[in-house]
Amino acid sequence: MTNVVLVRHEGDFSCSGYLFETPVDLKKGQRVRVKTRRGEADAIVIHDSAEVDDSVLAMMATVCHAKIPLAPVVGVYSLILVGKAENVCVEENR
């Protein structure tokens, strides 16, 4: 079984997505870092990750024009709030 995820690169709305192997479970909308032929790149998860067997993986790779072994997800971005985030967008009435 292989854990896979479908992502799109930031700013790229021209394709249906790219298939990557992921060591962790990912959810739609998460921002990740992936390893590509051209180096590392930022991407956005467009479908939740899923565990698939070898026959399903082969079919998905064919549909997505991916090569096996799949390139990996190498990082997941997280938001770290600093300061008083609740007051950032509030205008003062003077």
Foldseek 3Di string as FASTA:
>chain_A
DFKKFWKAFPPDPPDPTAIATEPDWDAFQWWFWWQDPVGIGIIGTHHTIDDDDPVVVVVVCVVRVADPVGTHTDTTDDDDDDDDVVCPPDDDDD
